[in-house]
C-alpha atoms as a PDB file:
ATOM      1  CA  MET A   1     -10.722   5.876  -8.011  1.00  0.00           C
ATOM      2  CA  THR A   2     -11.763   5.810  -4.352  1.00  0.00           C
ATOM      3  CA  ILE A   3      -9.395   5.956  -1.503  1.00  0.00           C
ATOM      4  CA  ASN A   4     -10.999   5.557   1.959  1.00  0.00           C
ATOM      5  CA  VAL A   5      -8.593   7.146   4.407  1.00  0.00           C
ATOM      6  CA  GLU A   6      -9.081   6.700   8.059  1.00  0.00           C
ATOM      7  CA  ASP A   7      -6.676   8.283  10.598  1.00  0.00           C
ATOM      8  CA  GLU A   8      -6.919   6.677  14.016  1.00  0.00           C
ATOM      9  CA  SER A   9      -3.447   8.002  15.039  1.00  0.00           C
ATOM     10  CA  SER A  10      -3.088  11.090  17.121  1.00  0.00           C
ATOM     11  CA  ILE A  11       0.345  11.759  15.533  1.00  0.00           C
ATOM     12  CA  VAL A  12       0.633  14.314  12.736  1.00  0.00           C
ATOM     13  CA  LEU A  13       2.996  13.509   9.907  1.00  0.00           C
ATOM     14  CA  GLU A  14       4.332  17.059   9.689  1.00  0.00           C
ATOM     15  CA  GLY A  15       5.187  18.148   6.151  1.00  0.00           C
ATOM     16  CA  VAL A  16       3.057  15.361   4.503  1.00  0.00           C
ATOM     17  CA  ASP A  17      -0.329  15.816   2.885  1.00  0.00           C
ATOM     18  CA  THR A  18      -1.253  12.259   3.631  1.00  0.00           C
ATOM     19  CA  GLU A  19      -4.386  12.077   1.463  1.00  0.00           C
ATOM     20  CA  ARG A  20      -2.786  13.822  -1.561  1.00  0.00           C
ATOM     21  CA  THR A  21       0.336  11.725  -1.483  1.00  0.00           C
ATOM     22  CA  ALA A  22      -1.704   8.411  -0.992  1.00  0.00           C
ATOM     23  CA  LYS A  23      -3.798   9.349  -4.030  1.00  0.00           C
ATOM     24  CA  GLN A  24      -0.684  10.109  -6.135  1.00  0.00           C
ATOM     25  CA  VAL A  25       1.166   6.949  -5.211  1.00  0.00           C
ATOM     26  CA  ILE A  26      -1.920   4.682  -5.574  1.00  0.00           C
ATOM     27  CA  GLU A  27      -2.685   6.151  -8.939  1.00  0.00           C
ATOM     28  CA  ALA A  28       0.940   5.810 -10.080  1.00  0.00           C
ATOM     29  CA  ALA A  29       1.019   2.161  -8.869  1.00  0.00           C
ATOM     30  CA  LEU A  30      -2.135   1.288 -10.768  1.00  0.00           C
ATOM     31  CA  ASP A  31      -0.902   2.968 -13.937  1.00  0.00           C
ATOM     32  CA  TYR A  32       2.578   1.360 -13.650  1.00  0.00           C
ATOM     33  CA  GLU A  33       0.916  -2.195 -13.353  1.00  0.00           C
ATOM     34  CA  GLY A  34      -1.553  -1.367 -16.107  1.00  0.00           C
ATOM     35  CA  CYS A  35      -4.684  -1.766 -14.060  1.00  0.00           C
ATOM     36  CA  PRO A  36      -7.554  -1.462 -16.528  1.00  0.00           C
ATOM     37  CA  TYR A  37     -10.150  -0.622 -13.911  1.00  0.00           C
ATOM     38  CA  GLU A  38     -11.036   2.254 -11.543  1.00  0.00           C
ATOM     39  CA  ALA A  39     -10.097   0.951  -8.152  1.00  0.00           C
ATOM     40  CA  GLU A  40     -10.966   1.245  -4.466  1.00  0.00           C
ATOM     41  CA  VAL A  41      -8.350   1.089  -1.731  1.00  0.00           C
ATOM     42  CA  SER A  42      -8.790   1.571   1.979  1.00  0.00           C
ATOM     43  CA  LEU A  43      -5.886   3.170   3.963  1.00  0.00           C
ATOM     44  CA  LEU A  44      -5.780   3.201   7.762  1.00  0.00           C
ATOM     45  CA  LEU A  45      -3.221   5.321   9.541  1.00  0.00           C
ATOM     46  CA  THR A  46      -2.435   4.097  12.959  1.00  0.00           C
ATOM     47  CA  ASP A  47       0.295   4.103  15.615  1.00  0.00           C
ATOM     48  CA  ASN A  48       2.714   1.341  16.783  1.00  0.00           C
ATOM     49  CA  GLU A  49       0.290   0.065  19.374  1.00  0.00           C
ATOM     50  CA  GLY A  50      -2.519  -0.253  16.826  1.00  0.00           C
ATOM     51  CA  ILE A  51      -0.433  -1.972  14.112  1.00  0.00           C
ATOM     52  CA  HIS A  52       1.154  -4.178  16.734  1.00  0.00           C
ATOM     53  CA  ALA A  53      -2.361  -5.535  17.767  1.00  0.00           C
ATOM     54  CA  LEU A  54      -3.202  -6.122  14.082  1.00  0.00           C
ATOM     55  CA  ASN A  55       0.085  -7.851  13.324  1.00  0.00           C
ATOM     56  CA  ARG A  56      -0.331 -10.055  16.293  1.00  0.00           C
ATOM     57  CA  GLU A  57      -4.004 -10.804  15.360  1.00  0.00           C
ATOM     58  CA  HIS A  58      -3.548 -11.519  11.632  1.00  0.00           C
ATOM     59  CA  ARG A  59       0.027 -12.679  11.283  1.00  0.00           C
ATOM     60  CA  ASN A  60       0.810 -14.040  14.788  1.00  0.00           C
ATOM     61  CA  ILE A  61       3.862 -11.646  14.933  1.00  0.00           C
ATOM     62  CA  ASP A  62       4.025  -9.963  18.295  1.00  0.00           C
ATOM     63  CA  ARG A  63       5.682  -6.671  17.437  1.00  0.00           C
ATOM     64  CA  PRO A  64       4.770  -3.452  15.480  1.00  0.00           C
ATOM     65  CA  THR A  65       5.614  -3.281  11.860  1.00  0.00           C
ATOM     66  CA  ASP A  66       5.630  -0.363   9.398  1.00  0.00           C
ATOM     67  CA  VAL A  67       2.872  -1.575   6.984  1.00  0.00           C
ATOM     68  CA  LEU A  68       0.333  -4.282   6.584  1.00  0.00           C
ATOM     69  CA  SER A  69      -1.406  -5.190   3.333  1.00  0.00           C
ATOM     70  CA  PHE A  70      -4.696  -7.062   3.093  1.00  0.00           C
ATOM     71  CA  PRO A  71      -5.418  -7.882  -0.465  1.00  0.00           C
ATOM     72  CA  MET A  72      -9.007  -8.598  -1.612  1.00  0.00           C
ATOM     73  CA  LEU A  73      -7.877 -10.609  -4.650  1.00  0.00           C
ATOM     74  CA  HIS A  74      -5.730 -13.586  -5.199  1.00  0.00           C
ATOM     75  CA  PHE A  75      -3.495 -13.267  -8.219  1.00  0.00           C
ATOM     76  CA  GLU A  76      -2.042 -16.438  -9.808  1.00  0.00           C
ATOM     77  CA  SER A  77       0.492 -14.153 -11.303  1.00  0.00           C
ATOM     78  CA  PRO A  78       1.141 -10.613 -10.086  1.00  0.00           C
ATOM     79  CA  ALA A  79      -1.013  -7.795 -11.683  1.00  0.00           C
ATOM     80  CA  ASP A  80      -2.859 -10.301 -13.947  1.00  0.00           C
ATOM     81  CA  PHE A  81      -6.202  -8.319 -13.881  1.00  0.00           C
ATOM     82  CA  GLN A  82      -7.863 -10.850 -16.081  1.00  0.00           C
ATOM     83  CA  GLU A  83      -8.375 -12.883 -12.889  1.00  0.00           C
ATOM     84  CA  ALA A  84     -10.596  -9.975 -11.532  1.00  0.00           C
ATOM     85  CA  GLU A  85     -12.842 -10.411 -14.538  1.00  0.00           C
ATOM     86  CA  ASP A  86     -13.107 -14.142 -13.854  1.00  0.00           C
ATOM     87  CA  GLU A  87     -14.221 -13.386 -10.230  1.00  0.00           C
ATOM     88  CA  GLU A  88     -16.313 -10.477 -11.363  1.00  0.00           C
ATOM     89  CA  ALA A  89     -19.126 -10.549  -8.734  1.00  0.00           C
ATOM     90  CA  ASP A  90     -16.677 -10.916  -5.811  1.00  0.00           C
ATOM     91  CA  CYS A  91     -14.158  -8.219  -6.459  1.00  0.00           C
ATOM     92  CA  PHE A  92     -15.973  -5.170  -7.798  1.00  0.00           C
ATOM     93  CA  ASN A  93     -17.895  -2.786  -5.669  1.00  0.00           C
ATOM     94  CA  PRO A  94     -21.544  -3.177  -6.881  1.00  0.00           C
ATOM     95  CA  GLU A  95     -22.351   0.547  -6.267  1.00  0.00           C
ATOM     96  CA  THR A  96     -19.358   2.064  -8.043  1.00  0.00           C
ATOM     97  CA  GLY A  97     -18.075  -0.742 -10.260  1.00  0.00           C
ATOM     98  CA  GLU A  98     -14.610  -0.159  -8.910  1.00  0.00           C
ATOM     99  CA  LEU A  99     -12.149  -3.050  -8.383  1.00  0.00           C
ATOM    100  CA  LEU A 100     -11.793  -3.667  -4.693  1.00  0.00           C
ATOM    101  CA  LEU A 101      -8.041  -4.128  -4.178  1.00  0.00           C
ATOM    102  CA  GLY A 102      -7.850  -4.193  -0.368  1.00  0.00           C
ATOM    103  CA  ASP A 103      -6.576  -2.534   2.692  1.00  0.00           C
ATOM    104  CA  ILE A 104      -3.271  -0.767   3.634  1.00  0.00           C
ATOM    105  CA  ILE A 105      -2.433  -0.128   7.231  1.00  0.00           C
ATOM    106  CA  ILE A 106       0.462   2.180   8.026  1.00  0.00           C
ATOM    107  CA  SER A 107       2.045   3.024  11.377  1.00  0.00           C
ATOM    108  CA  VAL A 108       2.744   6.767  11.396  1.00  0.00           C
ATOM    109  CA  GLU A 109       5.262   6.247  14.196  1.00  0.00           C
ATOM    110  CA  LYS A 110       7.200   3.865  11.897  1.00  0.00           C
ATOM    111  CA  VAL A 111       7.136   6.333   9.038  1.00  0.00           C
ATOM    112  CA  MET A 112       8.784   8.911  11.225  1.00  0.00           C
ATOM    113  CA  GLU A 113      11.298   6.464  12.772  1.00  0.00           C
ATOM    114  CA  GLN A 114      12.314   4.958   9.477  1.00  0.00           C
ATOM    115  CA  ALA A 115      12.519   8.329   7.640  1.00  0.00           C
ATOM    116  CA  GLU A 116      15.061   9.506  10.194  1.00  0.00           C
ATOM    117  CA  LYS A 117      16.888   6.100  10.188  1.00  0.00           C
ATOM    118  CA  TYR A 118      17.216   6.057   6.402  1.00  0.00           C
ATOM    119  CA  GLY A 119      17.926   9.783   6.096  1.00  0.00           C
ATOM    120  CA  HIS A 120      15.098  10.729   3.805  1.00  0.00           C
ATOM    121  CA  SER A 121      11.837  12.718   4.135  1.00  0.00           C
ATOM    122  CA  ARG A 122       8.719  11.543   5.898  1.00  0.00           C
ATOM    123  CA  GLU A 123       6.856  11.997   2.614  1.00  0.00           C
ATOM    124  CA  ARG A 124       9.354   9.608   0.873  1.00  0.00           C
ATOM    125  CA  GLU A 125       8.982   6.989   3.556  1.00  0.00           C
ATOM    126  CA  TYR A 126       5.153   7.287   3.513  1.00  0.00           C
ATOM    127  CA  ALA A 127       5.074   7.116  -0.190  1.00  0.00           C
ATOM    128  CA  PHE A 128       7.378   4.096  -0.279  1.00  0.00           C
ATOM    129  CA  LEU A 129       5.169   2.117   2.134  1.00  0.00           C
ATOM    130  CA  ILE A 130       2.133   2.786   0.065  1.00  0.00           C
ATOM    131  CA  ALA A 131       3.873   1.795  -3.110  1.00  0.00           C
ATOM    132  CA  HIS A 132       5.140  -1.371  -1.396  1.00  0.00           C
ATOM    133  CA  SER A 133       1.664  -2.284  -0.060  1.00  0.00           C
ATOM    134  CA  MET A 134       0.079  -1.511  -3.464  1.00  0.00           C
ATOM    135  CA  LEU A 135       2.338  -4.102  -5.024  1.00  0.00           C
ATOM    136  CA  HIS A 136       1.210  -6.551  -2.369  1.00  0.00           C
ATOM    137  CA  LEU A 137      -2.433  -5.711  -3.142  1.00  0.00           C
ATOM    138  CA  MET A 138      -1.680  -6.571  -6.837  1.00  0.00           C
ATOM    139  CA  GLY A 139      -0.165  -9.937  -6.066  1.00  0.00           C
ATOM    140  CA  TYR A 140       3.512  -9.219  -5.570  1.00  0.00           C
ATOM    141  CA  ASP A 141       5.576 -10.658  -2.762  1.00  0.00           C
ATOM    142  CA  HIS A 142       9.050 -10.729  -1.469  1.00  0.00           C
ATOM    143  CA  GLU A 143       9.509 -14.086   0.269  1.00  0.00           C
ATOM    144  CA  VAL A 144      12.440 -15.126  -2.030  1.00  0.00           C
ATOM    145  CA  PRO A 145      15.275 -12.957  -3.334  1.00  0.00           C
ATOM    146  CA  GLU A 146      14.090 -12.967  -6.951  1.00  0.00           C
ATOM    147  CA  GLU A 147      10.621 -11.713  -5.858  1.00  0.00           C
ATOM    148  CA  ALA A 148      12.133  -9.135  -3.578  1.00  0.00           C
ATOM    149  CA  LYS A 149      14.246  -7.752  -6.479  1.00  0.00           C
ATOM    150  CA  VAL A 150      11.157  -7.378  -8.755  1.00  0.00           C
ATOM    151  CA  MET A 151       9.313  -5.549  -5.926  1.00  0.00           C
ATOM    152  CA  GLU A 152      12.216  -3.248  -5.266  1.00  0.00           C
ATOM    153  CA  GLU A 153      12.554  -2.330  -8.870  1.00  0.00           C
ATOM    154  CA  ARG A 154       8.838  -1.604  -9.233  1.00  0.00           C
ATOM    155  CA  GLN A 155       8.679   0.429  -5.992  1.00  0.00           C
ATOM    156  CA  ALA A 156      11.590   2.527  -7.255  1.00  0.00           C
ATOM    157  CA  ALA A 157       9.966   3.126 -10.572  1.00  0.00           C
ATOM    158  CA  ILE A 158       6.701   4.142  -9.095  1.00  0.00           C
ATOM    159  CA  LEU A 159       8.347   6.628  -6.764  1.00  0.00           C
ATOM    160  CA  GLU A 160      10.705   7.969  -9.500  1.00  0.00           C
ATOM    161  CA  SER A 161       7.621   8.506 -11.777  1.00  0.00           C
ATOM    162  CA  LEU A 162       6.369  10.925  -9.017  1.00  0.00           C
ATOM    163  CA  HIS A 163       9.881  12.414  -8.444  1.00  0.00           C
ATOM    164  CA  ILE A 164       9.751  11.213  -4.836  1.00  0.00           C
ATOM    165  CA  LEU A 165      13.389  10.356  -4.269  1.00  0.00           C
ATOM    166  CA  ARG A 166      15.640   9.516  -1.332  1.00  0.00           C
END
């Protein structure tokens, strides 16, 4: 598994080993969803200003958000990895053979704000946002209540498997 981490934020998430936690959560999400491949994910840590610009540019939403997900694959049904095989040339890194899942962008400022707001650790909030985004990269969404419930259950299970609790 390859995780490309880039930190363009000048804010330090004190008490969080961002690379170690990202690796643990990404691996747990892939295992939970039964991904049969080694995978590659890119993670960008930014600030509210940086994520605001990306949110405006890509989603036409003119405000900062906590996390953005940019999947490389389109899943007809969530975590149906057979589709990756059908699109083989387009979704595997030709050098490593890893499945290219996509990009996760997290606002470090939002991690800190939301951890305080919800009364849990920064590590838990950071891990939650990664788990949430990984599910998006694997085809899940939360546009309707039934989908949101499925995502919430999966996010909780992934974090519980790592003993990262509220």
